[in-house]
Amino acid sequence: MSSLPPAEDGFLRHPLLVAAGVDHGFGTRVALAPSGLLRPHQVHGIGLARAGADGRLDTEDADAVVSHRPGIAVGIVTADCVPVLAATESGRAGVAIHAGWRGVAAGVVAAGLAGLRAHAQPGEGVVAVIGPRIGACCYEVDGPVMDPLRARFGTEANAAATDSRPGHYQLDLGRLVALDLARCGMESRRIGLLEDVCTACGVGRFHSHRRDGAEAGRLVHYVGPRAAPGHRG
């Protein structure tokens, strides 16, 4: 399923997450972070932060952040890295994952899903959507980037990269994120992928560090759990 057209608030949304009933959005240039959004200090690792009943995160440094508390949304920011928003099918819990190449190689996708599944009911599935990210068209990397990805994905890492010049490759990092979701036991029908959303190509739509360097802004992506029956915010 493809994404829905941008809403008035500038966020992109996806039918899989809409069906789960979670509040969510993938940011564009004009989208502003929702009030009260909890975000960790991102460090390109695999740490997981959890939203507490006091409206705070239990740790500051993390690249995946989960909430199972109605009314408390969590999010991450990107400027080329891959954002993943996932939720339990009931919508009672959601996780936002910041997946740069270092985090992908280290296992941040699996860490984020594990944190989400800790709040799932027995037998309950999860859905996940991969948001705006730099495409292979604009993402040239070298051996020091590919080597740890090959260590995690084996020959499948090579299938996500195309030779561009000696020792360099055009990498589809979103493809590796989708592969990691599948390796974590997710069925393809529960994995969504926003299309035509290369952050470097989308000058008028997205911020991009690869394109704009240190002056680049950041895109905010968030997810908030569905309210439990009888819950009053």
Protein backbone atom coordinates (compact mmCIF):
# COMPACT_ATOMS: atom_id res chain seq x y z
CA MET A 1 0.00 0.00 0.00
CA SER A 2 1.28 3.47 -0.86
CA SER A 3 1.19 6.51 1.40
CA LEU A 4 -1.76 8.83 1.68
CA PRO A 5 -1.47 12.38 0.26
CA PRO A 6 0.16 14.87 2.64
CA ALA A 7 -2.27 16.15 5.25
CA GLU A 8 -2.78 19.82 6.03
CA ASP A 9 -0.21 19.52 8.82
CA GLY A 10 2.43 18.44 6.29
CA PHE A 11 2.76 14.86 7.54
CA LEU A 12 2.60 11.75 5.37
CA ARG A 13 0.57 8.84 6.68
CA HIS A 14 0.21 5.21 5.66
CA PRO A 15 -2.85 2.92 5.50
CA LEU A 16 -1.20 0.17 7.58
CA LEU A 17 -0.74 2.49 10.53
CA VAL A 18 -4.10 4.16 9.95
CA ALA A 19 -5.73 0.71 10.18
CA ALA A 20 -3.94 0.07 13.47
CA GLY A 21 -5.50 3.25 14.82
CA VAL A 22 -2.29 4.94 15.92
CA ASP A 23 -1.68 8.65 15.58
CA HIS A 24 1.39 8.98 13.37
CA GLY A 25 3.14 11.01 10.73
CA PHE A 26 6.25 11.07 8.55
CA GLY A 27 7.55 14.59 8.33
CA THR A 28 8.10 16.90 5.39
CA ARG A 29 9.75 20.33 5.37
CA VAL A 30 6.59 22.03 6.61
CA ALA A 31 5.59 19.53 9.31
CA LEU A 32 6.08 20.62 12.92
CA ALA A 33 6.56 18.28 15.87
CA PRO A 34 3.33 17.65 17.80
CA SER A 35 3.09 19.28 21.22
CA GLY A 36 4.51 17.11 23.99
CA LEU A 37 6.36 14.75 21.65
CA LEU A 38 9.05 12.69 23.41
CA ARG A 39 12.30 12.34 21.45
CA PRO A 40 15.59 10.75 22.51
CA HIS A 41 19.11 12.03 21.85
CA GLN A 42 20.01 10.00 18.77
CA VAL A 43 23.49 8.46 18.73
CA HIS A 44 23.41 6.02 15.75
CA GLY A 45 23.25 3.02 18.07
CA ILE A 46 20.70 0.38 19.10
CA GLY A 47 19.53 1.80 22.41
CA LEU A 48 15.81 1.76 23.24
CA ALA A 49 14.00 4.49 25.20
CA ARG A 50 10.58 3.94 26.77
CA ALA A 51 7.90 6.48 27.57
CA GLY A 52 7.03 6.54 31.26
CA ALA A 53 3.79 7.36 33.01
CA ASP A 54 5.37 10.65 34.08
CA GLY A 55 5.62 11.77 30.45
CA ARG A 56 9.38 11.30 30.30
CA LEU A 57 11.72 8.82 28.64
CA ASP A 58 13.55 6.32 30.82
CA THR A 59 16.84 7.02 29.03
CA GLU A 60 18.20 9.92 27.03
CA ASP A 61 20.51 8.35 24.42
CA ALA A 62 18.64 6.01 22.06
CA ASP A 63 17.71 5.46 18.42
CA ALA A 64 14.43 3.63 19.00
CA VAL A 65 11.68 4.92 21.26
CA VAL A 66 8.50 3.11 22.28
CA SER A 67 5.25 4.17 23.94
CA HIS A 68 2.32 2.11 25.17
CA ARG A 69 0.81 5.02 27.06
CA PRO A 70 -2.29 6.70 25.55
CA GLY A 71 -1.73 10.35 24.90
CA ILE A 72 2.08 10.06 24.91
CA ALA A 73 3.57 10.12 21.42
CA VAL A 74 7.21 9.35 20.66
CA GLY A 75 9.35 10.26 17.69
CA ILE A 76 12.71 10.61 16.01
CA VAL A 77 14.25 12.98 13.44
CA THR A 78 16.12 12.28 10.21
CA ALA A 79 17.80 14.10 7.36
CA ASP A 80 18.55 11.13 5.04
CA CYS A 81 18.55 8.16 7.45
CA VAL A 82 15.64 5.73 7.34
CA PRO A 83 12.71 6.37 9.69
CA VAL A 84 10.56 3.40 10.69
CA LEU A 85 7.24 3.71 12.48
CA ALA A 86 5.69 0.50 13.78
CA ALA A 87 2.71 -0.44 15.95
CA THR A 88 0.93 -3.43 17.37
CA GLU A 89 -2.13 -4.40 15.34
CA SER A 90 -4.37 -3.22 18.16
CA GLY A 91 -2.63 0.16 18.10
CA ARG A 92 -1.99 0.00 21.84
CA ALA A 93 1.78 0.52 21.41
CA GLY A 94 4.05 2.15 18.85
CA VAL A 95 7.76 2.57 18.20
CA ALA A 96 9.78 5.07 16.17
CA ILE A 97 13.17 3.89 14.89
CA HIS A 98 16.05 5.99 13.53
CA ALA A 99 17.94 3.71 11.15
CA GLY A 100 21.17 5.13 9.77
CA TRP A 101 23.72 2.76 8.27
CA ARG A 102 25.54 2.35 11.58
CA GLY A 103 22.33 1.53 13.42
CA VAL A 104 21.17 -0.83 10.69
CA ALA A 105 24.48 -2.69 10.80
CA ALA A 106 24.31 -2.91 14.60
CA GLY A 107 20.69 -4.11 14.77
CA VAL A 108 18.57 -1.09 15.70
CA VAL A 109 15.57 -2.36 13.73
CA ALA A 110 15.49 -5.63 15.69
CA ALA A 111 15.98 -3.76 18.97
CA GLY A 112 13.08 -1.43 18.23
CA LEU A 113 10.74 -4.27 17.24
CA ALA A 114 11.65 -6.23 20.36
CA GLY A 115 10.74 -3.21 22.46
CA LEU A 116 7.40 -2.92 20.68
CA ARG A 117 6.56 -6.61 20.91
CA ALA A 118 7.07 -6.48 24.66
CA HIS A 119 3.74 -4.61 24.75
CA ALA A 120 1.85 -6.85 22.30
CA GLN A 121 -0.85 -9.26 23.39
CA PRO A 122 -0.15 -12.99 22.97
CA GLY A 123 -0.31 -13.83 19.28
CA GLU A 124 -0.71 -10.20 18.24
CA GLY A 125 1.17 -9.06 15.14
CA VAL A 126 2.80 -5.74 14.35
CA VAL A 127 2.85 -3.50 11.30
CA ALA A 128 5.75 -1.30 10.21
CA VAL A 129 6.24 1.44 7.62
CA ILE A 130 9.51 2.75 6.16
CA GLY A 131 9.37 6.49 5.58
CA PRO A 132 11.21 9.22 3.61
CA ARG A 133 14.89 8.38 3.19
CA ILE A 134 17.78 8.95 0.85
CA GLY A 135 17.50 6.69 -2.19
CA ALA A 136 20.15 4.64 -3.93
CA CYS A 137 20.07 7.31 -6.64
CA CYS A 138 21.75 9.78 -4.27
CA TYR A 139 23.46 7.65 -1.61
CA GLU A 140 27.00 6.73 -2.59
CA VAL A 141 28.99 4.91 0.10
CA ASP A 142 32.41 3.28 0.34
CA GLY A 143 33.88 0.05 1.70
CA PRO A 144 33.97 1.10 5.37
CA VAL A 145 30.18 1.53 5.18
CA MET A 146 29.51 -1.65 3.23
CA ASP A 147 31.75 -3.92 5.32
CA PRO A 148 29.64 -3.85 8.54
CA LEU A 149 26.46 -4.17 6.46
CA ARG A 150 27.91 -7.23 4.73
CA ALA A 151 28.76 -8.64 8.16
CA ARG A 152 25.09 -8.40 9.14
CA PHE A 153 23.35 -9.23 5.87
CA GLY A 154 25.89 -11.29 3.95
CA THR A 155 25.45 -11.38 0.19
CA GLU A 156 22.06 -9.67 0.54
CA ALA A 157 23.92 -6.45 1.34
CA ASN A 158 25.53 -6.62 -2.11
CA ALA A 159 22.10 -7.02 -3.70
CA ALA A 160 21.12 -3.65 -2.20
CA ALA A 161 24.16 -1.89 -3.69
CA THR A 162 25.31 -1.08 -7.22
CA ASP A 163 28.92 -0.35 -8.17
CA SER A 164 29.34 3.34 -8.98
CA ARG A 165 33.14 3.74 -9.19
CA PRO A 166 36.10 1.81 -7.80
CA GLY A 167 35.47 1.09 -4.12
CA HIS A 168 32.14 2.95 -4.06
CA TYR A 169 28.50 1.89 -4.28
CA GLN A 170 25.01 3.34 -4.64
CA LEU A 171 23.24 1.90 -1.60
CA ASP A 172 19.52 1.31 -1.08
CA LEU A 173 19.48 1.45 2.72
CA GLY A 174 15.68 1.25 2.82
CA ARG A 175 15.88 -2.15 1.16
CA LEU A 176 18.13 -3.43 3.95
CA VAL A 177 15.74 -2.07 6.57
CA ALA A 178 12.87 -3.94 4.88
CA LEU A 179 15.04 -7.07 4.87
CA ASP A 180 15.73 -6.68 8.58
CA LEU A 181 12.00 -6.34 9.29
CA ALA A 182 11.41 -9.57 7.40
CA ARG A 183 14.23 -11.27 9.29
CA CYS A 184 12.47 -10.27 12.49
CA GLY A 185 9.51 -12.40 11.42
CA MET A 186 7.32 -9.76 9.80
CA GLU A 187 5.22 -10.82 6.81
CA SER A 188 5.54 -8.70 3.68
CA ARG A 189 1.86 -7.68 3.88
CA ARG A 190 2.58 -6.02 7.22
CA ILE A 191 5.52 -3.98 5.93
CA GLY A 192 4.79 -0.67 4.22
CA LEU A 193 7.20 1.38 2.14
CA LEU A 194 6.62 5.01 1.21
CA GLU A 195 7.58 5.45 -2.45
CA ASP A 196 9.01 8.41 -4.38
CA VAL A 197 10.40 9.91 -1.18
CA CYS A 198 14.15 10.31 -1.72
CA THR A 199 15.14 13.07 0.69
CA ALA A 200 18.07 14.22 -1.45
CA CYS A 201 16.00 14.41 -4.65
CA GLY A 202 13.03 16.05 -2.95
CA VAL A 203 14.43 19.55 -2.65
CA GLY A 204 11.08 21.19 -2.01
CA ARG A 205 9.68 18.40 0.17
CA PHE A 206 12.43 17.11 2.45
CA HIS A 207 15.56 18.09 4.34
CA SER A 208 18.75 16.26 3.34
CA HIS A 209 22.17 16.28 4.98
CA ARG A 210 23.78 14.71 1.91
CA ARG A 211 22.41 17.55 -0.23
CA ASP A 212 22.60 20.53 2.14
CA GLY A 213 25.39 19.59 4.55
CA ALA A 214 25.55 21.13 8.03
CA GLU A 215 22.82 23.61 7.12
CA ALA A 216 20.26 20.84 6.64
CA GLY A 217 17.13 20.85 8.76
CA ARG A 218 15.53 17.75 10.24
CA LEU A 219 12.34 15.84 9.47
CA VAL A 220 10.29 14.74 12.46
CA HIS A 221 8.46 11.38 12.48
CA TYR A 222 6.17 10.27 15.29
CA VAL A 223 3.74 7.62 16.53
CA GLY A 224 1.26 7.65 19.41
CA PRO A 225 -0.76 4.69 20.80
CA ARG A 226 -4.47 4.32 20.37
CA ALA A 227 -6.43 5.17 23.52
CA ALA A 228 -7.67 2.17 25.49
CA PRO A 229 -11.44 1.73 25.79
CA GLY A 230 -12.72 4.04 28.49
CA HIS A 231 -9.52 6.07 28.57
CA ARG A 232 -9.95 9.76 29.08
CA GLY A 233 -7.05 11.95 28.05
